[in-house]
Amino acid sequence: MSRLQIEDPQNDHRSTALVLLCGLAALAIVGFVLVFGSLHEWRLAGLNPASSTLNQFTAILLTCIALIVPLTSNLYSPRLVKLYVTHPMIVAGLAILVLSHLLTLAVNALPKGHAIEKPLAAAISVCFLIVMAGTLPFLYTVSQFLRPAYFVPELARKGVRDIHALGQGASGSYRRTKGLFETIDVVANIALTGMHRGDRQLVLRALGALHQLLAEFVVDGATGNSAWRSKRPCFVPGIAREGQEYLVRNQVWPEAYVLAQMLRVMEMTTSGQHEMLAELASQLVETAQLACLCGRKKVTELHVMTFNSLMREALEDKDLRQFQNLSYHYRLLIEALHENPEQMHDAAQHLLHYGNLSAQQNLHFGLETVIYDMGEMVLSLGSHHEERAVELLQTWAGPLWQDAIAPNSATQKAGWRVIVKVYWEAKARRMERLAESLFWRFLSDETIHREHVELILDENRELHYEFNDRLMRFAHLSPEAEALARPFTEEY
């Protein structure tokens, strides 16, 4: 799945090119002055035009800042003002303007012929050329603040720098920690604003920034240099005191903070915003896998809890498309935990719980989705670790499919199809132990087995009948599995 990149190299290249172009223009002016003019003439006739020009530039630049910064802040979040006023380009530009005016005032206050007049005139000329060369880059940078594609990555980079500084034991940890979580709040508010406005791209960019910050927190917690986590922790409003104590004791409150903000954003989704949920779920799978690789079991557990909350909300809304999407990513999450069998089995149990809960609410399609996803999970896990795939089959998938094929079950068709599919795919992939477990548990009756194989082969198409997020039908056999299964149906 494609990702919205936090970095914007194309924008950086444009800014660099613009700065270089203006710098070359300034050097050309310097060369012209050196060839056709002199510093003496500049002192006599150039200071007044330079002073007027600097005044005009100052008025223009301040007007642009006064218009663009409040406009963007009101559109997205007032806290963006802090990002703007501390941006290096704005600070440097305004500092040079102020310095130019101070030098101009100083030279006008000196008596004519003073020894320092000549150096001041030279300094003013340098500042004047810098202002002339930097005007377009300055205006371009300020105008970029109107684009979320510019300031959202800036916020993410600022947060990453703060995390790295805290991990290295930088001074002023309380102030930096406060600023870091203010940045997270700003990104979450931008995502909420995008939700209200129906701006999908804005929400996806904000979620990408939160995802990057969460990944940085996961890695930071695994380095062992996280003394700052024990000082003045931050929590989203509503977390119970006992929960706060648990998060602080296990030093996972930063990850919990970001996950809570992500859930807060997802609470605003509507039936027409499924791609945002899919993006979030995909990001959660990535950070859960990262946490598993870093040995951070508590963080992985928080990810599973986050998925559970999303599944519950999908059931409460009776949104089958959302449930189907989450079930798919829940399967990917479980597969990512295969190096930790205990957590993998716990997560599988949770997925089955929500599948059964959907059936209790007469959303049988939700249970069918889980039945199929368990089959995909067993096959995918078997390609990495067949023994654990067999364990998953015997512990969770097998009982689920057994109930599915029970007489008068609403999911009988799905149950038989997944059993036959997994069996023949396992044989095609030479997972003999997995295939044998399925055979003796479900397919020892050759007549029933052949009947269901024939049903699958009669409509063995890869694509789903409707265009949906998955595109592919689960109940189809790959060419290799079909080549094995078709001779079986022709036996007498």
Protein backbone atom coordinates (compact mmCIF):
# COMPACT_ATOMS: atom_id res chain seq x y z
CA MET A 1 0.00 0.00 0.00
CA SER A 2 1.29 3.43 -0.92
CA ARG A 3 2.17 5.94 1.73
CA LEU A 4 1.90 9.70 1.90
CA GLN A 5 5.46 10.79 2.47
CA ILE A 6 6.25 13.13 5.31
CA GLU A 7 9.20 14.54 3.42
CA ASP A 8 8.58 16.67 0.34
CA PRO A 9 11.85 16.59 -1.64
CA GLN A 10 10.33 18.30 -4.66
CA ASN A 11 9.36 21.30 -2.56
CA ASP A 12 12.85 21.42 -1.00
CA HIS A 13 14.43 21.39 -4.45
CA ARG A 14 12.24 24.26 -5.60
CA SER A 15 13.14 26.36 -2.57
CA THR A 16 16.85 25.66 -3.06
CA ALA A 17 16.67 26.54 -6.74
CA LEU A 18 14.87 29.79 -5.98
CA VAL A 19 17.46 30.79 -3.36
CA LEU A 20 20.32 30.01 -5.74
CA LEU A 21 18.69 31.95 -8.56
CA CYS A 22 18.17 35.03 -6.39
CA GLY A 23 21.70 34.71 -5.01
CA LEU A 24 23.12 34.70 -8.53
CA ALA A 25 21.06 37.76 -9.34
CA ALA A 26 22.47 39.53 -6.28
CA LEU A 27 26.02 38.59 -7.27
CA ALA A 28 25.35 39.99 -10.72
CA ILE A 29 24.28 43.30 -9.15
CA VAL A 30 27.42 43.31 -7.01
CA GLY A 31 29.55 42.79 -10.10
CA PHE A 32 27.76 45.59 -11.91
CA VAL A 33 28.34 47.98 -9.00
CA LEU A 34 32.01 47.05 -8.72
CA VAL A 35 32.59 47.58 -12.45
CA PHE A 36 30.56 50.74 -13.05
CA GLY A 37 30.29 52.33 -9.61
CA SER A 38 32.13 52.98 -6.36
CA LEU A 39 31.46 52.90 -2.65
CA HIS A 40 31.98 56.68 -2.47
CA GLU A 41 29.10 57.28 -4.87
CA TRP A 42 26.99 54.78 -2.96
CA ARG A 43 27.49 56.75 0.26
CA LEU A 44 26.49 60.00 -1.39
CA ALA A 45 23.52 58.93 -3.49
CA GLY A 46 22.62 55.34 -2.59
CA LEU A 47 21.72 55.40 1.08
CA ASN A 48 18.44 57.28 0.71
CA PRO A 49 17.07 55.03 -2.09
CA ALA A 50 18.22 51.96 -0.14
CA SER A 51 16.46 53.22 2.98
CA SER A 52 13.22 53.82 1.07
CA THR A 53 13.44 50.44 -0.59
CA LEU A 54 14.02 48.69 2.71
CA ASN A 55 10.97 50.44 4.16
CA GLN A 56 8.83 49.25 1.27
CA PHE A 57 10.14 45.71 1.53
CA THR A 58 9.49 45.68 5.26
CA ALA A 59 5.90 46.83 4.74
CA ILE A 60 5.30 44.19 2.06
CA LEU A 61 6.80 41.32 4.03
CA LEU A 62 5.03 42.19 7.27
CA THR A 63 1.73 42.54 5.38
CA CYS A 64 2.19 39.08 3.86
CA ILE A 65 2.95 37.59 7.25
CA ALA A 66 -0.02 39.40 8.83
CA LEU A 67 -2.35 38.01 6.15
CA ILE A 68 -1.06 34.48 5.66
CA VAL A 69 -0.26 33.43 9.22
CA PRO A 70 -3.66 34.30 10.80
CA LEU A 71 -5.50 32.94 7.77
CA THR A 72 -3.78 29.55 8.03
CA SER A 73 -4.07 29.47 11.81
CA ASN A 74 -7.81 30.16 11.69
CA LEU A 75 -8.31 27.52 9.02
CA TYR A 76 -6.45 24.74 10.84
CA SER A 77 -5.17 25.45 14.34
CA PRO A 78 -4.19 28.64 16.24
CA ARG A 79 -1.13 26.85 17.58
CA LEU A 80 0.39 26.92 14.12
CA VAL A 81 1.37 30.54 14.84
CA LYS A 82 4.20 29.27 17.02
CA LEU A 83 5.55 27.22 14.13
CA TYR A 84 5.50 30.24 11.85
CA VAL A 85 7.11 32.79 14.14
CA THR A 86 9.95 30.37 14.95
CA HIS A 87 10.61 29.31 11.36
CA PRO A 88 14.29 29.97 10.48
CA MET A 89 13.46 31.75 7.23
CA ILE A 90 11.08 34.20 8.90
CA VAL A 91 13.40 34.81 11.85
CA ALA A 92 16.40 35.36 9.57
CA GLY A 93 14.49 37.59 7.15
CA LEU A 94 13.06 39.84 9.84
CA ALA A 95 16.42 39.99 11.65
CA ILE A 96 18.17 41.22 8.49
CA LEU A 97 15.46 43.83 7.92
CA VAL A 98 15.76 45.11 11.48
CA LEU A 99 19.55 45.15 11.22
CA SER A 100 19.36 47.09 7.95
CA HIS A 101 17.13 49.76 9.51
CA LEU A 102 19.37 50.05 12.56
CA LEU A 103 22.44 50.54 10.38
CA THR A 104 20.63 53.13 8.29
CA LEU A 105 19.60 55.07 11.40
CA ALA A 106 23.14 54.83 12.75
CA VAL A 107 24.78 56.19 9.59
CA ASN A 108 22.33 59.09 9.44
CA ALA A 109 23.09 59.96 13.06
CA LEU A 110 26.84 60.16 12.52
CA PRO A 111 28.58 63.45 11.61
CA LYS A 112 29.65 63.70 7.99
CA GLY A 113 33.10 62.30 7.35
CA HIS A 114 33.19 60.13 10.49
CA ALA A 115 35.66 57.23 10.30
CA ILE A 116 32.97 54.57 10.82
CA GLU A 117 30.71 55.97 8.08
CA LYS A 118 32.46 54.02 5.35
CA PRO A 119 32.20 50.59 7.08
CA LEU A 120 28.55 51.29 7.91
CA ALA A 121 27.80 52.19 4.30
CA ALA A 122 29.46 48.95 3.18
CA ALA A 123 27.41 46.95 5.74
CA ILE A 124 24.19 48.65 4.60
CA SER A 125 24.97 47.82 0.99
CA VAL A 126 25.55 44.16 1.88
CA CYS A 127 22.29 43.99 3.84
CA PHE A 128 20.47 45.70 0.98
CA LEU A 129 21.72 43.12 -1.51
CA ILE A 130 20.80 40.27 0.87
CA VAL A 131 17.28 41.66 1.22
CA MET A 132 16.96 42.05 -2.53
CA ALA A 133 18.21 38.50 -3.12
CA GLY A 134 16.11 36.96 -0.36
CA THR A 135 12.78 38.65 -1.05
CA LEU A 136 11.41 36.04 -3.43
CA PRO A 137 12.57 33.04 -1.34
CA PHE A 138 11.12 34.72 1.74
CA LEU A 139 7.73 35.36 0.10
CA TYR A 140 7.74 31.86 -1.37
CA THR A 141 8.39 30.31 2.04
CA VAL A 142 5.70 32.39 3.73
CA SER A 143 3.19 31.49 1.02
CA GLN A 144 3.99 27.82 1.57
CA PHE A 145 2.36 28.09 4.98
CA LEU A 146 -0.99 28.05 3.20
CA ARG A 147 -0.30 24.48 2.05
CA PRO A 148 -0.85 21.59 4.50
CA ALA A 149 1.64 19.62 2.39
CA TYR A 150 4.26 22.04 3.72
CA PHE A 151 3.41 22.70 7.35
CA VAL A 152 2.24 19.19 8.33
CA PRO A 153 5.67 17.68 7.48
CA GLU A 154 7.26 20.63 9.29
CA LEU A 155 5.29 19.72 12.40
CA ALA A 156 6.31 16.09 12.07
CA ARG A 157 9.98 17.00 11.71
CA LYS A 158 9.77 19.29 14.72
CA GLY A 159 8.26 16.48 16.79
CA VAL A 160 10.93 14.01 15.66
CA ARG A 161 13.69 16.45 16.61
CA ASP A 162 12.16 16.86 20.06
CA ILE A 163 11.94 13.09 20.57
CA HIS A 164 15.58 12.64 19.59
CA ALA A 165 16.64 15.50 21.87
CA LEU A 166 14.71 14.05 24.82
CA GLY A 167 16.21 10.62 24.19
CA GLN A 168 19.69 12.16 24.30
CA GLY A 169 18.99 13.86 27.62
CA ALA A 170 18.81 17.43 26.33
CA SER A 171 18.43 20.21 28.86
CA GLY A 172 15.02 21.77 29.46
CA SER A 173 13.27 18.43 29.17
CA TYR A 174 10.02 19.67 30.69
CA ARG A 175 9.71 22.56 28.24
CA ARG A 176 10.63 20.31 25.33
CA THR A 177 8.20 17.59 26.44
CA LYS A 178 5.41 20.13 26.69
CA GLY A 179 6.24 21.47 23.24
CA LEU A 180 6.35 17.94 21.80
CA PHE A 181 2.86 17.02 22.96
CA GLU A 182 1.54 20.41 21.92
CA THR A 183 2.81 19.52 18.45
CA ILE A 184 0.93 16.20 18.60
CA ASP A 185 -2.22 18.06 19.64
CA VAL A 186 -1.81 20.46 16.72
CA VAL A 187 -1.50 17.59 14.23
CA ALA A 188 -4.57 15.89 15.73
CA ASN A 189 -6.54 19.15 15.54
CA ILE A 190 -5.55 19.53 11.89
CA ALA A 191 -6.86 16.02 11.22
CA LEU A 192 -10.13 16.85 13.00
CA THR A 193 -10.44 20.06 10.98
CA GLY A 194 -9.93 18.04 7.83
CA MET A 195 -12.65 15.63 8.95
CA HIS A 196 -15.13 18.47 9.46
CA ARG A 197 -14.28 19.96 6.08
CA GLY A 198 -14.24 16.62 4.28
CA ASP A 199 -10.63 17.20 3.21
CA ARG A 200 -9.36 13.65 2.76
CA GLN A 201 -5.83 14.60 1.75
CA LEU A 202 -5.41 16.81 4.81
CA VAL A 203 -6.55 14.01 7.13
CA LEU A 204 -4.27 11.47 5.47
CA ARG A 205 -1.29 13.79 5.80
CA ALA A 206 -2.04 14.42 9.46
CA LEU A 207 -2.42 10.69 10.10
CA GLY A 208 0.91 10.15 8.36
CA ALA A 209 2.54 12.65 10.71
CA LEU A 210 1.02 10.96 13.77
CA HIS A 211 2.21 7.61 12.43
CA GLN A 212 5.77 8.90 12.07
CA LEU A 213 5.75 10.30 15.62
CA LEU A 214 4.35 7.03 17.00
CA ALA A 215 7.08 5.05 15.26
CA GLU A 216 9.71 7.38 16.74
CA PHE A 217 8.25 6.86 20.21
CA VAL A 218 8.38 3.07 19.75
CA VAL A 219 12.05 3.18 18.76
CA ASP A 220 12.87 5.69 21.50
CA GLY A 221 11.38 3.41 24.15
CA ALA A 222 13.55 0.52 22.97
CA THR A 223 16.84 2.43 23.22
CA GLY A 224 16.91 2.51 27.02
CA ASN A 225 17.57 6.28 27.03
CA SER A 226 14.07 7.28 28.10
CA ALA A 227 14.54 8.87 31.49
CA TRP A 228 12.31 11.74 30.38
CA ARG A 229 9.31 9.37 30.36
CA SER A 230 9.34 9.30 34.16
CA LYS A 231 8.99 13.09 34.42
CA ARG A 232 5.67 14.92 34.10
CA PRO A 233 3.79 12.49 31.84
CA CYS A 234 0.97 13.73 29.59
CA PHE A 235 -2.39 12.05 29.03
CA VAL A 236 -5.41 12.74 26.88
CA PRO A 237 -8.41 13.91 28.92
CA GLY A 238 -10.53 11.11 30.34
CA ILE A 239 -7.87 8.51 31.14
CA ALA A 240 -8.62 7.02 34.58
CA ARG A 241 -6.07 7.43 37.36
CA GLU A 242 -5.40 3.68 37.49
CA GLY A 243 -4.78 3.68 33.75
CA GLN A 244 -2.40 6.62 34.06
CA GLU A 245 -0.45 4.81 36.76
CA TYR A 246 -0.16 1.72 34.56
CA LEU A 247 1.07 3.73 31.56
CA VAL A 248 3.66 5.57 33.66
CA ARG A 249 4.81 2.40 35.41
CA ASN A 250 5.43 0.68 32.08
CA GLN A 251 6.68 3.91 30.44
CA VAL A 252 4.32 3.64 27.49
CA TRP A 253 2.28 6.80 28.05
CA PRO A 254 3.72 8.62 24.97
CA GLU A 255 2.59 5.79 22.66
CA ALA A 256 -0.79 5.69 24.40
CA TYR A 257 -1.14 9.44 23.90
CA VAL A 258 -0.65 9.19 20.12
CA LEU A 259 -2.92 6.14 19.82
CA ALA A 260 -5.64 7.95 21.76
CA GLN A 261 -5.38 10.92 19.40
CA MET A 262 -5.67 8.60 16.41
CA LEU A 263 -8.82 7.04 17.88
CA ARG A 264 -10.18 10.51 18.52
CA VAL A 265 -9.75 11.35 14.85
CA MET A 266 -11.37 8.08 13.76
CA GLU A 267 -14.45 8.80 15.86
CA MET A 268 -15.28 11.51 13.33
CA THR A 269 -15.26 9.22 10.29
CA THR A 270 -18.45 8.74 8.29
CA SER A 271 -19.58 6.07 5.89
CA GLY A 272 -17.90 7.91 3.00
CA GLN A 273 -14.44 8.04 4.60
CA HIS A 274 -13.36 4.39 4.65
CA GLU A 275 -10.01 5.08 3.02
CA MET A 276 -8.95 7.06 6.09
CA LEU A 277 -9.72 4.14 8.35
CA ALA A 278 -7.86 1.81 6.00
CA GLU A 279 -4.82 4.09 6.07
CA LEU A 280 -4.89 4.28 9.87
CA ALA A 281 -5.26 0.51 10.22
CA SER A 282 -2.35 -0.07 7.86
CA GLN A 283 -0.20 2.34 9.86
CA LEU A 284 -1.12 0.60 13.11
CA VAL A 285 -0.02 -2.73 11.64
CA GLU A 286 3.37 -1.22 10.75
CA THR A 287 3.99 0.30 14.19
CA ALA A 288 2.78 -2.89 15.90
CA GLN A 289 5.28 -4.89 13.86
CA LEU A 290 7.97 -2.36 14.76
CA ALA A 291 7.07 -2.66 18.45
CA CYS A 292 7.24 -6.45 18.17
CA LEU A 293 10.69 -6.27 16.59
CA CYS A 294 11.84 -3.89 19.34
CA GLY A 295 10.55 -6.26 22.02
CA ARG A 296 7.97 -3.79 23.35
CA LYS A 297 5.10 -6.10 24.26
CA LYS A 298 3.14 -3.48 26.17
CA VAL A 299 3.07 -1.22 23.12
CA THR A 300 1.95 -4.13 20.94
CA GLU A 301 -0.86 -4.81 23.40
CA LEU A 302 -1.96 -1.17 23.12
CA HIS A 303 -2.15 -1.61 19.35
CA VAL A 304 -4.36 -4.67 19.74
CA MET A 305 -6.60 -2.70 22.10
CA THR A 306 -6.81 0.09 19.53
CA PHE A 307 -7.93 -2.38 16.87
CA ASN A 308 -10.51 -3.76 19.29
CA SER A 309 -11.94 -0.29 19.83
CA LEU A 310 -12.20 0.26 16.08
CA MET A 311 -13.89 -3.12 15.60
CA ARG A 312 -16.42 -2.35 18.31
CA GLU A 313 -17.26 1.01 16.74
CA ALA A 314 -17.73 -0.65 13.35
CA LEU A 315 -20.20 -3.10 14.91
CA GLU A 316 -22.03 -0.33 16.75
CA ASP A 317 -22.39 1.56 13.47
CA LYS A 318 -23.32 -1.69 11.67
CA ASP A 319 -20.86 -0.70 8.97
CA LEU A 320 -19.99 -3.94 7.17
CA ARG A 321 -17.50 -2.33 4.81
CA GLN A 322 -15.61 -0.84 7.73
CA PHE A 323 -15.73 -4.16 9.58
CA GLN A 324 -14.42 -6.01 6.53
CA ASN A 325 -11.56 -3.54 6.15
CA LEU A 326 -10.62 -3.77 9.81
CA SER A 327 -10.81 -7.57 9.75
CA TYR A 328 -8.31 -7.65 6.90
CA HIS A 329 -5.83 -5.43 8.76
CA TYR A 330 -6.45 -7.31 12.00
CA ARG A 331 -5.31 -10.41 10.15
CA LEU A 332 -2.14 -8.60 9.08
CA LEU A 333 -1.62 -7.55 12.69
CA ILE A 334 -1.90 -11.13 13.91
CA GLU A 335 0.52 -12.31 11.23
CA ALA A 336 2.98 -9.60 12.32
CA LEU A 337 2.95 -11.09 15.83
CA HIS A 338 4.00 -14.59 14.76
CA GLU A 339 7.33 -14.19 16.58
CA ASN A 340 5.37 -13.82 19.82
CA PRO A 341 2.95 -16.79 19.89
CA GLU A 342 1.25 -15.73 23.12
CA GLN A 343 0.24 -12.32 21.79
CA MET A 344 -0.61 -13.81 18.40
CA HIS A 345 -3.10 -16.24 19.97
CA ASP A 346 -4.59 -13.51 22.17
CA ALA A 347 -5.14 -11.28 19.14
CA ALA A 348 -6.70 -14.18 17.19
CA GLN A 349 -9.08 -14.77 20.07
CA HIS A 350 -10.11 -11.11 19.99
CA LEU A 351 -10.78 -11.26 16.24
CA LEU A 352 -12.99 -14.33 16.71
CA HIS A 353 -14.84 -12.53 19.51
CA TYR A 354 -15.82 -9.67 17.22
CA GLY A 355 -16.75 -12.08 14.47
CA ASN A 356 -19.11 -13.93 16.82
CA LEU A 357 -20.41 -10.62 18.13
CA SER A 358 -21.33 -9.59 14.59
CA ALA A 359 -23.30 -12.84 14.17
CA GLN A 360 -25.16 -12.15 17.41
CA GLN A 361 -26.22 -8.82 15.91
CA ASN A 362 -27.42 -10.63 12.75
CA LEU A 363 -24.48 -9.27 10.75
CA HIS A 364 -23.57 -12.70 9.40
CA PHE A 365 -21.44 -11.18 6.67
CA GLY A 366 -19.09 -9.97 9.41
CA LEU A 367 -18.64 -13.51 10.71
CA GLU A 368 -18.10 -14.81 7.17
CA THR A 369 -15.36 -12.22 6.73
CA VAL A 370 -13.60 -13.46 9.85
CA ILE A 371 -13.98 -17.07 8.71
CA TYR A 372 -12.31 -16.29 5.39
CA ASP A 373 -9.61 -14.14 7.01
CA MET A 374 -8.72 -16.93 9.40
CA GLY A 375 -8.11 -19.11 6.36
CA GLU A 376 -5.86 -16.52 4.77
CA MET A 377 -4.06 -16.13 8.07
CA VAL A 378 -3.40 -19.85 8.43
CA LEU A 379 -2.00 -20.04 4.88
CA SER A 380 0.13 -16.91 5.24
CA LEU A 381 1.49 -17.99 8.61
CA GLY A 382 2.17 -21.48 7.28
CA SER A 383 4.49 -20.08 4.62
CA HIS A 384 6.68 -18.65 7.42
CA HIS A 385 6.14 -21.08 10.25
CA GLU A 386 4.02 -24.15 9.51
CA GLU A 387 4.07 -25.42 13.08
CA ARG A 388 2.50 -22.22 14.39
CA ALA A 389 -0.04 -22.28 11.57
CA VAL A 390 -1.10 -25.74 12.73
CA GLU A 391 -1.35 -24.46 16.31
CA LEU A 392 -3.54 -21.59 15.15
CA LEU A 393 -5.70 -24.03 13.21
CA GLN A 394 -6.16 -26.37 16.14
CA THR A 395 -6.74 -23.64 18.72
CA TRP A 396 -8.89 -21.04 16.97
CA ALA A 397 -9.52 -21.55 13.26
CA GLY A 398 -10.59 -25.20 13.57
CA PRO A 399 -13.31 -24.63 16.23
CA LEU A 400 -14.55 -21.58 14.31
CA TRP A 401 -14.88 -23.55 11.08
CA GLN A 402 -16.44 -26.48 12.95
CA ASP A 403 -19.22 -24.20 14.17
CA ALA A 404 -19.54 -22.65 10.71
CA ILE A 405 -20.31 -25.98 8.99
CA ALA A 406 -22.74 -27.14 11.65
CA PRO A 407 -26.24 -28.05 10.40
CA ASN A 408 -28.57 -25.04 10.01
CA SER A 409 -25.62 -22.64 10.31
CA ALA A 410 -25.94 -19.37 8.38
CA THR A 411 -22.26 -19.57 7.47
CA GLN A 412 -22.17 -23.20 6.31
CA LYS A 413 -21.24 -22.35 2.72
CA ALA A 414 -18.40 -20.06 3.78
CA GLY A 415 -17.12 -22.63 6.27
CA TRP A 416 -16.84 -25.45 3.72
CA ARG A 417 -15.27 -23.20 1.13
CA VAL A 418 -12.56 -21.97 3.44
CA ILE A 419 -11.75 -25.51 4.60
CA VAL A 420 -11.45 -26.83 1.04
CA LYS A 421 -9.51 -23.76 -0.11
CA VAL A 422 -6.97 -23.96 2.72
CA TYR A 423 -6.53 -27.72 2.29
CA TRP A 424 -5.71 -27.63 -1.43
CA GLU A 425 -3.61 -24.48 -1.16
CA ALA A 426 -1.63 -26.11 1.65
CA LYS A 427 -1.02 -29.17 -0.52
CA ALA A 428 0.03 -26.98 -3.46
CA ARG A 429 2.50 -25.15 -1.20
CA ARG A 430 3.77 -28.44 0.26
CA MET A 431 2.55 -27.75 3.79
CA GLU A 432 1.83 -31.40 4.39
CA ARG A 433 1.31 -31.22 8.14
CA LEU A 434 -1.24 -28.42 7.80
CA ALA A 435 -3.06 -30.26 5.00
CA GLU A 436 -3.11 -33.47 7.04
CA SER A 437 -4.58 -31.70 10.06
CA LEU A 438 -7.37 -30.29 7.92
CA PHE A 439 -8.04 -33.59 6.19
CA TRP A 440 -8.52 -35.70 9.31
CA ARG A 441 -10.58 -33.04 11.05
CA PHE A 442 -12.95 -32.07 8.21
CA LEU A 443 -12.41 -33.87 4.90
CA SER A 444 -12.11 -37.58 5.65
CA ASP A 445 -15.53 -38.13 4.03
CA GLU A 446 -14.51 -38.33 0.37
CA THR A 447 -18.01 -37.79 -1.01
CA ILE A 448 -18.56 -34.54 0.87
CA HIS A 449 -15.03 -33.43 0.06
CA ARG A 450 -15.47 -34.00 -3.67
CA GLU A 451 -18.84 -32.27 -3.68
CA HIS A 452 -17.44 -29.03 -2.23
CA VAL A 453 -14.36 -29.11 -4.46
CA GLU A 454 -16.64 -29.32 -7.50
CA LEU A 455 -18.67 -26.35 -6.26
CA ILE A 456 -15.54 -24.24 -5.95
CA LEU A 457 -14.16 -25.29 -9.33
CA ASP A 458 -17.48 -24.51 -11.06
CA GLU A 459 -17.10 -20.81 -10.19
CA ASN A 460 -13.36 -20.54 -9.74
CA ARG A 461 -12.81 -16.86 -10.48
CA GLU A 462 -10.23 -14.61 -8.83
CA LEU A 463 -12.03 -11.27 -8.77
CA HIS A 464 -14.96 -10.50 -6.53
CA TYR A 465 -18.38 -9.96 -8.11
CA GLU A 466 -18.46 -6.38 -6.81
CA PHE A 467 -15.73 -3.77 -6.76
CA ASN A 468 -14.62 -3.49 -3.15
CA ASP A 469 -11.50 -2.82 -1.13
CA ARG A 470 -10.24 -6.38 -1.43
CA LEU A 471 -11.03 -7.01 -5.11
CA MET A 472 -10.17 -10.71 -4.80
CA ARG A 473 -12.49 -13.54 -3.82
CA PHE A 474 -11.22 -15.80 -1.10
CA ALA A 475 -13.12 -18.83 -2.32
CA HIS A 476 -11.00 -19.51 -5.37
CA LEU A 477 -8.09 -21.83 -5.98
CA SER A 478 -4.74 -20.76 -7.38
CA PRO A 479 -3.64 -22.42 -10.66
CA GLU A 480 -1.33 -24.75 -8.70
CA ALA A 481 -4.07 -25.79 -6.26
CA GLU A 482 -6.59 -26.20 -9.09
CA ALA A 483 -4.17 -28.47 -10.95
CA LEU A 484 -4.12 -30.76 -7.89
CA ALA A 485 -7.84 -30.55 -7.08
CA ARG A 486 -9.30 -31.15 -10.55
CA PRO A 487 -7.97 -34.73 -10.93
CA PHE A 488 -9.46 -35.46 -7.48
CA THR A 489 -12.97 -34.63 -8.77
CA GLU A 490 -12.50 -36.92 -11.77
CA GLU A 491 -11.73 -39.98 -9.67
CA TYR A 492 -14.42 -42.58 -9.20
